[in-house]
Amino acid sequence: MTTPSRLPEPYGQASGANLADILERVLDKGVVIAGDIRINLLDIELLTIKLRLIVASVDKAKEMGIDWWESDPALSSRARRDELTRENAELRERLARLEELEPGRAPKEAP
């Protein structure tokens, strides 16, 4: 026969909400942490740092209109491909202009 313990269970196991529930709730609702750091010397503002942190799921962020990762070439293969296409077009245009400036070269006729 065992007697019930009077000590609280470690890590709040009896609280009903575990870490997975808390994480799911945070990602579903989102959390915003904001703060400003200002450094002044004799009423002269030397430095201002504005910090904004949003923790949310991708779906929630898109719902809020935040989708910067889709246009960042470091994070999106489509954005990287679009950037390479744009850069390639710029280089072709620049090469065509340089070829037109080359002495002794007849200007290219348009097709």
PDB file of N, CA and C in Angstrom:
ATOM      1  N   MET A   1       0.841  -1.168   0.000  1.00  0.00           N
ATOM      2  CA  MET A   1       0.000   0.000   0.000  1.00  0.00           C
ATOM      3  C   MET A   1       0.887   1.232   0.000  1.00  0.00           C
ATOM      4  N   THR A   2       0.577   2.137  -0.891  1.00  0.00           N
ATOM      5  CA  THR A   2       1.354   3.367  -0.967  1.00  0.00           C
ATOM      6  C   THR A   2       0.512   4.516  -0.462  1.00  0.00           C
ATOM      7  N   THR A   3       1.205   5.478   0.101  1.00  0.00           N
ATOM      8  CA  THR A   3       0.518   6.693   0.567  1.00  0.00           C
ATOM      9  C   THR A   3       0.794   7.828  -0.412  1.00  0.00           C
ATOM     10  N   PRO A   4      -0.190   8.648  -0.667  1.00  0.00           N
ATOM     11  CA  PRO A   4       0.033   9.757  -1.597  1.00  0.00           C
ATOM     12  C   PRO A   4       1.052  10.738  -1.036  1.00  0.00           C
ATOM     13  N   SER A   5       1.886  11.225  -1.917  1.00  0.00           N
ATOM     14  CA  SER A   5       2.943  12.154  -1.523  1.00  0.00           C
ATOM     15  C   SER A   5       2.376  13.561  -1.375  1.00  0.00           C
ATOM     16  N   ARG A   6       2.898  14.299  -0.436  1.00  0.00           N
ATOM     17  CA  ARG A   6       2.476  15.680  -0.244  1.00  0.00           C
ATOM     18  C   ARG A   6       3.359  16.650  -0.994  1.00  0.00           C
ATOM     19  N   LEU A   7       4.439  16.148  -1.545  1.00  0.00           N
ATOM     20  CA  LEU A   7       5.349  17.029  -2.286  1.00  0.00           C
ATOM     21  C   LEU A   7       4.817  17.263  -3.698  1.00  0.00           C
ATOM     22  N   PRO A   8       5.005  18.470  -4.256  1.00  0.00           N
ATOM     23  CA  PRO A   8       4.558  18.722  -5.629  1.00  0.00           C
ATOM     24  C   PRO A   8       5.397  17.918  -6.609  1.00  0.00           C
ATOM     25  N   GLU A   9       4.758  17.541  -7.684  1.00  0.00           N
ATOM     26  CA  GLU A   9       5.468  16.763  -8.689  1.00  0.00           C
ATOM     27  C   GLU A   9       6.464  17.671  -9.414  1.00  0.00           C
ATOM     28  N   PRO A  10       7.627  17.139  -9.755  1.00  0.00           N
ATOM     29  CA  PRO A  10       8.640  17.970 -10.407  1.00  0.00           C
ATOM     30  C   PRO A  10       8.195  18.420 -11.796  1.00  0.00           C
ATOM     31  N   TYR A  11       8.657  19.597 -12.186  1.00  0.00           N
ATOM     32  CA  TYR A  11       8.429  20.176 -13.513  1.00  0.00           C
ATOM     33  C   TYR A  11       6.959  20.385 -13.833  1.00  0.00           C
ATOM     34  N   GLY A  12       6.139  20.504 -12.842  1.00  0.00           N
ATOM     35  CA  GLY A  12       4.750  20.871 -13.053  1.00  0.00           C
ATOM     36  C   GLY A  12       3.945  19.866 -13.836  1.00  0.00           C
ATOM     37  N   GLN A  13       4.180  18.598 -13.647  1.00  0.00           N
ATOM     38  CA  GLN A  13       3.453  17.584 -14.401  1.00  0.00           C
ATOM     39  C   GLN A  13       1.977  17.576 -14.062  1.00  0.00           C
ATOM     40  N   ALA A  14       1.629  18.041 -12.899  1.00  0.00           N
ATOM     41  CA  ALA A  14       0.243  18.026 -12.490  1.00  0.00           C
ATOM     42  C   ALA A  14      -0.511  19.256 -12.974  1.00  0.00           C
ATOM     43  N   SER A  15       0.172  20.211 -13.616  1.00  0.00           N
ATOM     44  CA  SER A  15      -0.486  21.455 -14.002  1.00  0.00           C
ATOM     45  C   SER A  15      -1.414  21.285 -15.192  1.00  0.00           C
ATOM     46  N   GLY A  16      -1.314  20.231 -15.960  1.00  0.00           N
ATOM     47  CA  GLY A  16      -2.219  20.010 -17.069  1.00  0.00           C
ATOM     48  C   GLY A  16      -1.691  20.529 -18.386  1.00  0.00           C
ATOM     49  N   ALA A  17      -0.788  21.481 -18.396  1.00  0.00           N
ATOM     50  CA  ALA A  17      -0.226  22.026 -19.635  1.00  0.00           C
ATOM     51  C   ALA A  17       1.247  21.646 -19.701  1.00  0.00           C
ATOM     52  N   ASN A  18       1.601  20.915 -20.722  1.00  0.00           N
ATOM     53  CA  ASN A  18       3.006  20.570 -20.857  1.00  0.00           C
ATOM     54  C   ASN A  18       3.655  21.488 -21.895  1.00  0.00           C
ATOM     55  N   LEU A  19       4.913  21.281 -22.124  1.00  0.00           N
ATOM     56  CA  LEU A  19       5.667  22.160 -23.028  1.00  0.00           C
ATOM     57  C   LEU A  19       5.104  22.127 -24.438  1.00  0.00           C
ATOM     58  N   ALA A  20       4.666  20.971 -24.903  1.00  0.00           N
ATOM     59  CA  ALA A  20       4.104  20.877 -26.258  1.00  0.00           C
ATOM     60  C   ALA A  20       2.832  21.711 -26.382  1.00  0.00           C
ATOM     61  N   ASP A  21       1.991  21.695 -25.346  1.00  0.00           N
ATOM     62  CA  ASP A  21       0.768  22.501 -25.367  1.00  0.00           C
ATOM     63  C   ASP A  21       1.090  23.987 -25.401  1.00  0.00           C
ATOM     64  N   ILE A  22       2.076  24.387 -24.597  1.00  0.00           N
ATOM     65  CA  ILE A  22       2.464  25.799 -24.558  1.00  0.00           C
ATOM     66  C   ILE A  22       3.034  26.224 -25.900  1.00  0.00           C
ATOM     67  N   LEU A  23       3.904  25.400 -26.482  1.00  0.00           N
ATOM     68  CA  LEU A  23       4.492  25.719 -27.784  1.00  0.00           C
ATOM     69  C   LEU A  23       3.417  25.801 -28.864  1.00  0.00           C
ATOM     70  N   GLU A  24       2.477  24.880 -28.844  1.00  0.00           N
ATOM     71  CA  GLU A  24       1.392  24.913 -29.825  1.00  0.00           C
ATOM     72  C   GLU A  24       0.571  26.188 -29.686  1.00  0.00           C
ATOM     73  N   ARG A  25       0.305  26.586 -28.464  1.00  0.00           N
ATOM     74  CA  ARG A  25      -0.474  27.805 -28.221  1.00  0.00           C
ATOM     75  C   ARG A  25       0.292  29.045 -28.684  1.00  0.00           C
ATOM     76  N   VAL A  26       1.588  29.084 -28.400  1.00  0.00           N
ATOM     77  CA  VAL A  26       2.405  30.241 -28.814  1.00  0.00           C
ATOM     78  C   VAL A  26       2.463  30.333 -30.330  1.00  0.00           C
ATOM     79  N   LEU A  27       2.678  29.194 -31.005  1.00  0.00           N
ATOM     80  CA  LEU A  27       2.767  29.220 -32.462  1.00  0.00           C
ATOM     81  C   LEU A  27       1.413  29.527 -33.093  1.00  0.00           C
ATOM     82  N   ASP A  28       0.333  29.101 -32.469  1.00  0.00           N
ATOM     83  CA  ASP A  28      -0.995  29.360 -33.013  1.00  0.00           C
ATOM     84  C   ASP A  28      -1.398  30.821 -32.854  1.00  0.00           C
ATOM     85  N   LYS A  29      -1.126  31.396 -31.722  1.00  0.00           N
ATOM     86  CA  LYS A  29      -1.534  32.779 -31.452  1.00  0.00           C
ATOM     87  C   LYS A  29      -0.453  33.788 -31.817  1.00  0.00           C
ATOM     88  N   GLY A  30       0.799  33.408 -31.632  1.00  0.00           N
ATOM     89  CA  GLY A  30       1.903  34.329 -31.889  1.00  0.00           C
ATOM     90  C   GLY A  30       2.237  35.140 -30.647  1.00  0.00           C
ATOM     91  N   VAL A  31       3.501  35.498 -30.537  1.00  0.00           N
ATOM     92  CA  VAL A  31       3.984  36.310 -29.426  1.00  0.00           C
ATOM     93  C   VAL A  31       4.837  37.425 -30.005  1.00  0.00           C
ATOM     94  N   VAL A  32       4.624  38.638 -29.518  1.00  0.00           N
ATOM     95  CA  VAL A  32       5.416  39.782 -29.958  1.00  0.00           C
ATOM     96  C   VAL A  32       6.172  40.312 -28.753  1.00  0.00           C
ATOM     97  N   ILE A  33       7.471  40.451 -28.922  1.00  0.00           N
ATOM     98  CA  ILE A  33       8.319  41.037 -27.891  1.00  0.00           C
ATOM     99  C   ILE A  33       8.957  42.270 -28.511  1.00  0.00           C
ATOM    100  N   ALA A  34       8.741  43.413 -27.889  1.00  0.00           N
ATOM    101  CA  ALA A  34       9.257  44.663 -28.439  1.00  0.00           C
ATOM    102  C   ALA A  34       9.966  45.444 -27.348  1.00  0.00           C
ATOM    103  N   GLY A  35      10.989  46.169 -27.770  1.00  0.00           N
ATOM    104  CA  GLY A  35      11.709  46.990 -26.810  1.00  0.00           C
ATOM    105  C   GLY A  35      12.642  47.953 -27.510  1.00  0.00           C
ATOM    106  N   ASP A  36      12.934  49.044 -26.847  1.00  0.00           N
ATOM    107  CA  ASP A  36      13.861  50.044 -27.373  1.00  0.00           C
ATOM    108  C   ASP A  36      14.992  50.239 -26.378  1.00  0.00           C
ATOM    109  N   ILE A  37      16.176  50.410 -26.917  1.00  0.00           N
ATOM    110  CA  ILE A  37      17.340  50.719 -26.094  1.00  0.00           C
ATOM    111  C   ILE A  37      17.878  52.064 -26.576  1.00  0.00           C
ATOM    112  N   ARG A  38      17.953  53.025 -25.664  1.00  0.00           N
ATOM    113  CA  ARG A  38      18.482  54.344 -26.008  1.00  0.00           C
ATOM    114  C   ARG A  38      19.635  54.669 -25.092  1.00  0.00           C
ATOM    115  N   ILE A  39      20.681  55.174 -25.695  1.00  0.00           N
ATOM    116  CA  ILE A  39      21.835  55.610 -24.917  1.00  0.00           C
ATOM    117  C   ILE A  39      22.016  57.099 -25.163  1.00  0.00           C
ATOM    118  N   ASN A  40      21.861  57.881 -24.105  1.00  0.00           N
ATOM    119  CA  ASN A  40      22.006  59.328 -24.185  1.00  0.00           C
ATOM    120  C   ASN A  40      23.173  59.765 -23.322  1.00  0.00           C
ATOM    121  N   LEU A  41      23.825  60.832 -23.766  1.00  0.00           N
ATOM    122  CA  LEU A  41      24.895  61.441 -22.984  1.00  0.00           C
ATOM    123  C   LEU A  41      24.623  62.936 -22.957  1.00  0.00           C
ATOM    124  N   LEU A  42      24.299  63.457 -21.786  1.00  0.00           N
ATOM    125  CA  LEU A  42      23.995  64.883 -21.615  1.00  0.00           C
ATOM    126  C   LEU A  42      22.897  65.339 -22.577  1.00  0.00           C
ATOM    127  N   ASP A  43      21.813  64.606 -22.606  1.00  0.00           N
ATOM    128  CA  ASP A  43      20.657  64.894 -23.465  1.00  0.00           C
ATOM    129  C   ASP A  43      20.973  64.818 -24.949  1.00  0.00           C
ATOM    130  N   ILE A  44      22.053  64.191 -25.318  1.00  0.00           N
ATOM    131  CA  ILE A  44      22.376  63.962 -26.731  1.00  0.00           C
ATOM    132  C   ILE A  44      22.204  62.468 -27.000  1.00  0.00           C
ATOM    133  N   GLU A  45      21.356  62.175 -27.956  1.00  0.00           N
ATOM    134  CA  GLU A  45      21.090  60.780 -28.267  1.00  0.00           C
ATOM    135  C   GLU A  45      22.253  60.197 -29.063  1.00  0.00           C
ATOM    136  N   LEU A  46      22.902  59.219 -28.477  1.00  0.00           N
ATOM    137  CA  LEU A  46      24.052  58.593 -29.140  1.00  0.00           C
ATOM    138  C   LEU A  46      23.658  57.352 -29.921  1.00  0.00           C
ATOM    139  N   LEU A  47      22.746  56.575 -29.374  1.00  0.00           N
ATOM    140  CA  LEU A  47      22.416  55.301 -29.993  1.00  0.00           C
ATOM    141  C   LEU A  47      20.983  54.918 -29.658  1.00  0.00           C
ATOM    142  N   THR A  48      20.262  54.446 -30.670  1.00  0.00           N
ATOM    143  CA  THR A  48      18.915  53.920 -30.460  1.00  0.00           C
ATOM    144  C   THR A  48      18.815  52.586 -31.177  1.00  0.00           C
ATOM    145  N   ILE A  49      18.434  51.577 -30.456  1.00  0.00           N
ATOM    146  CA  ILE A  49      18.232  50.248 -31.028  1.00  0.00           C
ATOM    147  C   ILE A  49      16.793  49.851 -30.757  1.00  0.00           C
ATOM    148  N   LYS A  50      16.070  49.544 -31.820  1.00  0.00           N
ATOM    149  CA  LYS A  50      14.687  49.101 -31.673  1.00  0.00           C
ATOM    150  C   LYS A  50      14.633  47.607 -31.961  1.00  0.00           C
ATOM    151  N   LEU A  51      14.167  46.875 -30.982  1.00  0.00           N
ATOM    152  CA  LEU A  51      14.098  45.419 -31.113  1.00  0.00           C
ATOM    153  C   LEU A  51      12.643  44.988 -31.267  1.00  0.00           C
ATOM    154  N   ARG A  52      12.388  44.153 -32.263  1.00  0.00           N
ATOM    155  CA  ARG A  52      11.052  43.592 -32.458  1.00  0.00           C
ATOM    156  C   ARG A  52      11.221  42.110 -32.745  1.00  0.00           C
ATOM    157  N   LEU A  53      10.553  41.292 -31.998  1.00  0.00           N
ATOM    158  CA  LEU A  53      10.645  39.841 -32.157  1.00  0.00           C
ATOM    159  C   LEU A  53       9.241  39.269 -32.206  1.00  0.00           C
ATOM    160  N   ILE A  54       8.964  38.512 -33.239  1.00  0.00           N
ATOM    161  CA  ILE A  54       7.665  37.847 -33.373  1.00  0.00           C
ATOM    162  C   ILE A  54       7.920  36.354 -33.446  1.00  0.00           C
ATOM    163  N   VAL A  55       7.281  35.617 -32.581  1.00  0.00           N
ATOM    164  CA  VAL A  55       7.359  34.161 -32.603  1.00  0.00           C
ATOM    165  C   VAL A  55       5.970  33.654 -32.963  1.00  0.00           C
ATOM    166  N   ALA A  56       5.880  32.994 -34.120  1.00  0.00           N
ATOM    167  CA  ALA A  56       4.594  32.477 -34.576  1.00  0.00           C
ATOM    168  C   ALA A  56       4.860  31.405 -35.622  1.00  0.00           C
ATOM    169  N   SER A  57       3.844  30.654 -35.942  1.00  0.00           N
ATOM    170  CA  SER A  57       3.968  29.652 -36.998  1.00  0.00           C
ATOM    171  C   SER A  57       3.994  30.370 -38.355  1.00  0.00           C
ATOM    172  N   VAL A  58       4.423  29.661 -39.378  1.00  0.00           N
ATOM    173  CA  VAL A  58       4.488  30.236 -40.723  1.00  0.00           C
ATOM    174  C   VAL A  58       3.098  30.639 -41.188  1.00  0.00           C
ATOM    175  N   ASP A  59       2.123  29.797 -40.939  1.00  0.00           N
ATOM    176  CA  ASP A  59       0.752  30.116 -41.353  1.00  0.00           C
ATOM    177  C   ASP A  59       0.238  31.376 -40.664  1.00  0.00           C
ATOM    178  N   LYS A  60       0.522  31.500 -39.368  1.00  0.00           N
ATOM    179  CA  LYS A  60       0.071  32.683 -38.631  1.00  0.00           C
ATOM    180  C   LYS A  60       0.790  33.927 -39.145  1.00  0.00           C
ATOM    181  N   ALA A  61       2.095  33.803 -39.428  1.00  0.00           N
ATOM    182  CA  ALA A  61       2.845  34.945 -39.940  1.00  0.00           C
ATOM    183  C   ALA A  61       2.298  35.393 -41.291  1.00  0.00           C
ATOM    184  N   LYS A  62       1.995  34.425 -42.176  1.00  0.00           N
ATOM    185  CA  LYS A  62       1.415  34.780 -43.478  1.00  0.00           C
ATOM    186  C   LYS A  62       0.059  35.451 -43.293  1.00  0.00           C
ATOM    187  N   GLU A  63      -0.705  34.961 -42.321  1.00  0.00           N
ATOM    188  CA  GLU A  63      -2.006  35.554 -42.026  1.00  0.00           C
ATOM    189  C   GLU A  63      -1.849  37.006 -41.586  1.00  0.00           C
ATOM    190  N   MET A  64      -0.745  37.322 -40.904  1.00  0.00           N
ATOM    191  CA  MET A  64      -0.478  38.691 -40.462  1.00  0.00           C
ATOM    192  C   MET A  64       0.173  39.532 -41.554  1.00  0.00           C
ATOM    193  N   GLY A  65       0.458  38.920 -42.716  1.00  0.00           N
ATOM    194  CA  GLY A  65       1.068  39.666 -43.808  1.00  0.00           C
ATOM    195  C   GLY A  65       2.580  39.684 -43.781  1.00  0.00           C
ATOM    196  N   ILE A  66       3.173  38.792 -43.031  1.00  0.00           N
ATOM    197  CA  ILE A  66       4.628  38.718 -42.934  1.00  0.00           C
ATOM    198  C   ILE A  66       5.091  37.526 -43.766  1.00  0.00           C
ATOM    199  N   ASP A  67       5.811  37.799 -44.866  1.00  0.00           N
ATOM    200  CA  ASP A  67       6.298  36.705 -45.714  1.00  0.00           C
ATOM    201  C   ASP A  67       7.643  37.057 -46.361  1.00  0.00           C
ATOM    202  N   TRP A  68       8.473  37.751 -45.612  1.00  0.00           N
ATOM    203  CA  TRP A  68       9.747  38.212 -46.165  1.00  0.00           C
ATOM    204  C   TRP A  68      10.653  37.064 -46.585  1.00  0.00           C
ATOM    205  N   TRP A  69      10.520  35.900 -46.002  1.00  0.00           N
ATOM    206  CA  TRP A  69      11.392  34.774 -46.331  1.00  0.00           C
ATOM    207  C   TRP A  69      11.127  34.255 -47.746  1.00  0.00           C
ATOM    208  N   GLU A  70       9.944  34.554 -48.305  1.00  0.00           N
ATOM    209  CA  GLU A  70       9.654  34.096 -49.658  1.00  0.00           C
ATOM    210  C   GLU A  70      10.412  34.888 -50.716  1.00  0.00           C
ATOM    211  N   SER A  71      10.846  36.103 -50.382  1.00  0.00           N
ATOM    212  CA  SER A  71      11.591  36.920 -51.345  1.00  0.00           C
ATOM    213  C   SER A  71      13.075  37.013 -50.999  1.00  0.00           C
ATOM    214  N   ASP A  72      13.514  36.306 -49.964  1.00  0.00           N
ATOM    215  CA  ASP A  72      14.926  36.317 -49.575  1.00  0.00           C
ATOM    216  C   ASP A  72      15.651  35.187 -50.314  1.00  0.00           C
ATOM    217  N   PRO A  73      16.618  35.523 -51.183  1.00  0.00           N
ATOM    218  CA  PRO A  73      17.316  34.487 -51.950  1.00  0.00           C
ATOM    219  C   PRO A  73      18.064  33.472 -51.083  1.00  0.00           C
ATOM    220  N   ALA A  74      18.424  33.845 -49.886  1.00  0.00           N
ATOM    221  CA  ALA A  74      19.129  32.916 -49.009  1.00  0.00           C
ATOM    222  C   ALA A  74      18.190  31.858 -48.431  1.00  0.00           C
ATOM    223  N   LEU A  75      16.892  32.122 -48.456  1.00  0.00           N
ATOM    224  CA  LEU A  75      15.940  31.207 -47.829  1.00  0.00           C
ATOM    225  C   LEU A  75      14.983  30.548 -48.812  1.00  0.00           C
ATOM    226  N   SER A  76      14.841  31.099 -50.020  1.00  0.00           N
ATOM    227  CA  SER A  76      13.858  30.588 -50.966  1.00  0.00           C
ATOM    228  C   SER A  76      14.529  30.267 -52.295  1.00  0.00           C
ATOM    229  N   SER A  77      14.324  29.051 -52.792  1.00  0.00           N
ATOM    230  CA  SER A  77      14.917  28.670 -54.076  1.00  0.00           C
ATOM    231  C   SER A  77      14.270  29.450 -55.219  1.00  0.00           C
ATOM    232  N   ARG A  78      12.993  29.762 -55.101  1.00  0.00           N
ATOM    233  CA  ARG A  78      12.322  30.543 -56.148  1.00  0.00           C
ATOM    234  C   ARG A  78      12.879  31.959 -56.193  1.00  0.00           C
ATOM    235  N   ALA A  79      13.104  32.562 -55.022  1.00  0.00           N
ATOM    236  CA  ALA A  79      13.670  33.913 -54.979  1.00  0.00           C
ATOM    237  C   ALA A  79      15.089  33.912 -55.533  1.00  0.00           C
ATOM    238  N   ARG A  80      15.856  32.850 -55.223  1.00  0.00           N
ATOM    239  CA  ARG A  80      17.226  32.736 -55.728  1.00  0.00           C
ATOM    240  C   ARG A  80      17.210  32.613 -57.249  1.00  0.00           C
ATOM    241  N   ARG A  81      16.294  31.805 -57.786  1.00  0.00           N
ATOM    242  CA  ARG A  81      16.180  31.633 -59.232  1.00  0.00           C
ATOM    243  C   ARG A  81      15.759  32.952 -59.901  1.00  0.00           C
ATOM    244  N   ASP A  82      14.818  33.669 -59.293  1.00  0.00           N
ATOM    245  CA  ASP A  82      14.383  34.958 -59.842  1.00  0.00           C
ATOM    246  C   ASP A  82      15.529  35.963 -59.840  1.00  0.00           C
ATOM    247  N   GLU A  83      16.317  35.958 -58.764  1.00  0.00           N
ATOM    248  CA  GLU A  83      17.441  36.888 -58.689  1.00  0.00           C
ATOM    249  C   GLU A  83      18.492  36.547 -59.745  1.00  0.00           C
ATOM    250  N   LEU A  84      18.763  35.267 -59.957  1.00  0.00           N
ATOM    251  CA  LEU A  84      19.727  34.867 -60.985  1.00  0.00           C
ATOM    252  C   LEU A  84      19.227  35.239 -62.379  1.00  0.00           C
ATOM    253  N   THR A  85      17.939  35.082 -62.628  1.00  0.00           N
ATOM    254  CA  THR A  85      17.363  35.458 -63.920  1.00  0.00           C
ATOM    255  C   THR A  85      17.494  36.960 -64.154  1.00  0.00           C
ATOM    256  N   ARG A  86      17.198  37.750 -63.130  1.00  0.00           N
ATOM    257  CA  ARG A  86      17.314  39.209 -63.241  1.00  0.00           C
ATOM    258  C   ARG A  86      18.771  39.610 -63.471  1.00  0.00           C
ATOM    259  N   GLU A  87      19.684  39.010 -62.709  1.00  0.00           N
ATOM    260  CA  GLU A  87      21.103  39.326 -62.842  1.00  0.00           C
ATOM    261  C   GLU A  87      21.612  38.921 -64.227  1.00  0.00           C
ATOM    262  N   ASN A  88      21.161  37.784 -64.728  1.00  0.00           N
ATOM    263  CA  ASN A  88      21.558  37.321 -66.056  1.00  0.00           C
ATOM    264  C   ASN A  88      21.075  38.290 -67.129  1.00  0.00           C
ATOM    265  N   ALA A  89      19.840  38.781 -67.004  1.00  0.00           N
ATOM    266  CA  ALA A  89      19.304  39.737 -67.974  1.00  0.00           C
ATOM    267  C   ALA A  89      20.103  41.037 -67.939  1.00  0.00           C
ATOM    268  N   GLU A  90      20.453  41.498 -66.734  1.00  0.00           N
ATOM    269  CA  GLU A  90      21.249  42.729 -66.614  1.00  0.00           C
ATOM    270  C   GLU A  90      22.623  42.547 -67.258  1.00  0.00           C
ATOM    271  N   LEU A  91      23.234  41.411 -67.045  1.00  0.00           N
ATOM    272  CA  LEU A  91      24.560  41.163 -67.622  1.00  0.00           C
ATOM    273  C   LEU A  91      24.495  41.068 -69.150  1.00  0.00           C
ATOM    274  N   ARG A  92      23.461  40.448 -69.681  1.00  0.00           N
ATOM    275  CA  ARG A  92      23.295  40.366 -71.140  1.00  0.00           C
ATOM    276  C   ARG A  92      23.103  41.763 -71.739  1.00  0.00           C
ATOM    277  N   GLU A  93      22.307  42.587 -71.061  1.00  0.00           N
ATOM    278  CA  GLU A  93      22.082  43.945 -71.535  1.00  0.00           C
ATOM    279  C   GLU A  93      23.385  44.749 -71.501  1.00  0.00           C
ATOM    280  N   ARG A  94      24.141  44.592 -70.437  1.00  0.00           N
ATOM    281  CA  ARG A  94      25.419  45.302 -70.305  1.00  0.00           C
ATOM    282  C   ARG A  94      26.411  44.832 -71.366  1.00  0.00           C
ATOM    283  N   LEU A  95      26.463  43.531 -71.633  1.00  0.00           N
ATOM    284  CA  LEU A  95      27.353  42.988 -72.650  1.00  0.00           C
ATOM    285  C   LEU A  95      26.979  43.516 -74.033  1.00  0.00           C
ATOM    286  N   ALA A  96      25.682  43.602 -74.294  1.00  0.00           N
ATOM    287  CA  ALA A  96      25.235  44.122 -75.588  1.00  0.00           C
ATOM    288  C   ALA A  96      25.666  45.578 -75.766  1.00  0.00           C
ATOM    289  N   ARG A  97      25.548  46.385 -74.684  1.00  0.00           N
ATOM    290  CA  ARG A  97      25.978  47.793 -74.766  1.00  0.00           C
ATOM    291  C   ARG A  97      27.479  47.898 -74.988  1.00  0.00           C
ATOM    292  N   LEU A  98      28.253  47.061 -74.307  1.00  0.00           N
ATOM    293  CA  LEU A  98      29.707  47.081 -74.467  1.00  0.00           C
ATOM    294  C   LEU A  98      30.115  46.655 -75.879  1.00  0.00           C
ATOM    295  N   GLU A  99      29.416  45.665 -76.434  1.00  0.00           N
ATOM    296  CA  GLU A  99      29.725  45.216 -77.791  1.00  0.00           C
ATOM    297  C   GLU A  99      29.414  46.301 -78.819  1.00  0.00           C
ATOM    298  N   GLU A 100      28.384  47.110 -78.535  1.00  0.00           N
ATOM    299  CA  GLU A 100      28.059  48.202 -79.446  1.00  0.00           C
ATOM    300  C   GLU A 100      29.120  49.292 -79.405  1.00  0.00           C
ATOM    301  N   LEU A 101      29.764  49.478 -78.252  1.00  0.00           N
ATOM    302  CA  LEU A 101      30.785  50.516 -78.101  1.00  0.00           C
ATOM    303  C   LEU A 101      32.148  50.082 -78.648  1.00  0.00           C
ATOM    304  N   GLU A 102      32.337  48.811 -78.908  1.00  0.00           N
ATOM    305  CA  GLU A 102      33.617  48.299 -79.381  1.00  0.00           C
ATOM    306  C   GLU A 102      33.938  48.884 -80.752  1.00  0.00           C
ATOM    307  N   PRO A 103      35.152  49.467 -80.922  1.00  0.00           N
ATOM    308  CA  PRO A 103      35.504  50.069 -82.208  1.00  0.00           C
ATOM    309  C   PRO A 103      35.658  48.997 -83.301  1.00  0.00           C
ATOM    310  N   GLY A 104      35.234  49.356 -84.502  1.00  0.00           N
ATOM    311  CA  GLY A 104      35.357  48.444 -85.630  1.00  0.00           C
ATOM    312  C   GLY A 104      34.273  47.390 -85.681  1.00  0.00           C
ATOM    313  N   ARG A 105      33.349  47.446 -84.784  1.00  0.00           N
ATOM    314  CA  ARG A 105      32.286  46.444 -84.766  1.00  0.00           C
ATOM    315  C   ARG A 105      31.008  47.081 -85.319  1.00  0.00           C
ATOM    316  N   ALA A 106      30.436  46.408 -86.276  1.00  0.00           N
ATOM    317  CA  ALA A 106      29.205  46.917 -86.866  1.00  0.00           C
ATOM    318  C   ALA A 106      28.063  46.722 -85.883  1.00  0.00           C
ATOM    319  N   PRO A 107      27.165  47.700 -85.760  1.00  0.00           N
ATOM    320  CA  PRO A 107      26.026  47.538 -84.845  1.00  0.00           C
ATOM    321  C   PRO A 107      25.146  46.376 -85.267  1.00  0.00           C
ATOM    322  N   LYS A 108      24.676  45.680 -84.296  1.00  0.00           N
ATOM    323  CA  LYS A 108      23.833  44.511 -84.531  1.00  0.00           C
ATOM    324  C   LYS A 108      22.449  44.954 -84.996  1.00  0.00           C
ATOM    325  N   GLU A 109      21.965  44.291 -86.034  1.00  0.00           N
ATOM    326  CA  GLU A 109      20.634  44.629 -86.518  1.00  0.00           C
ATOM    327  C   GLU A 109      19.590  43.879 -85.712  1.00  0.00           C
ATOM    328  N   ALA A 110      18.506  44.522 -85.480  1.00  0.00           N
ATOM    329  CA  ALA A 110      17.418  43.898 -84.729  1.00  0.00           C
ATOM    330  C   ALA A 110      16.770  42.807 -85.557  1.00  0.00           C
ATOM    331  N   PRO A 111      16.417  41.670 -84.945  1.00  0.00           N
ATOM    332  CA  PRO A 111      15.790  40.578 -85.713  1.00  0.00           C
ATOM    333  C   PRO A 111      14.385  40.903 -86.142  1.00  0.00           C
TER     334      PRO A 111
END
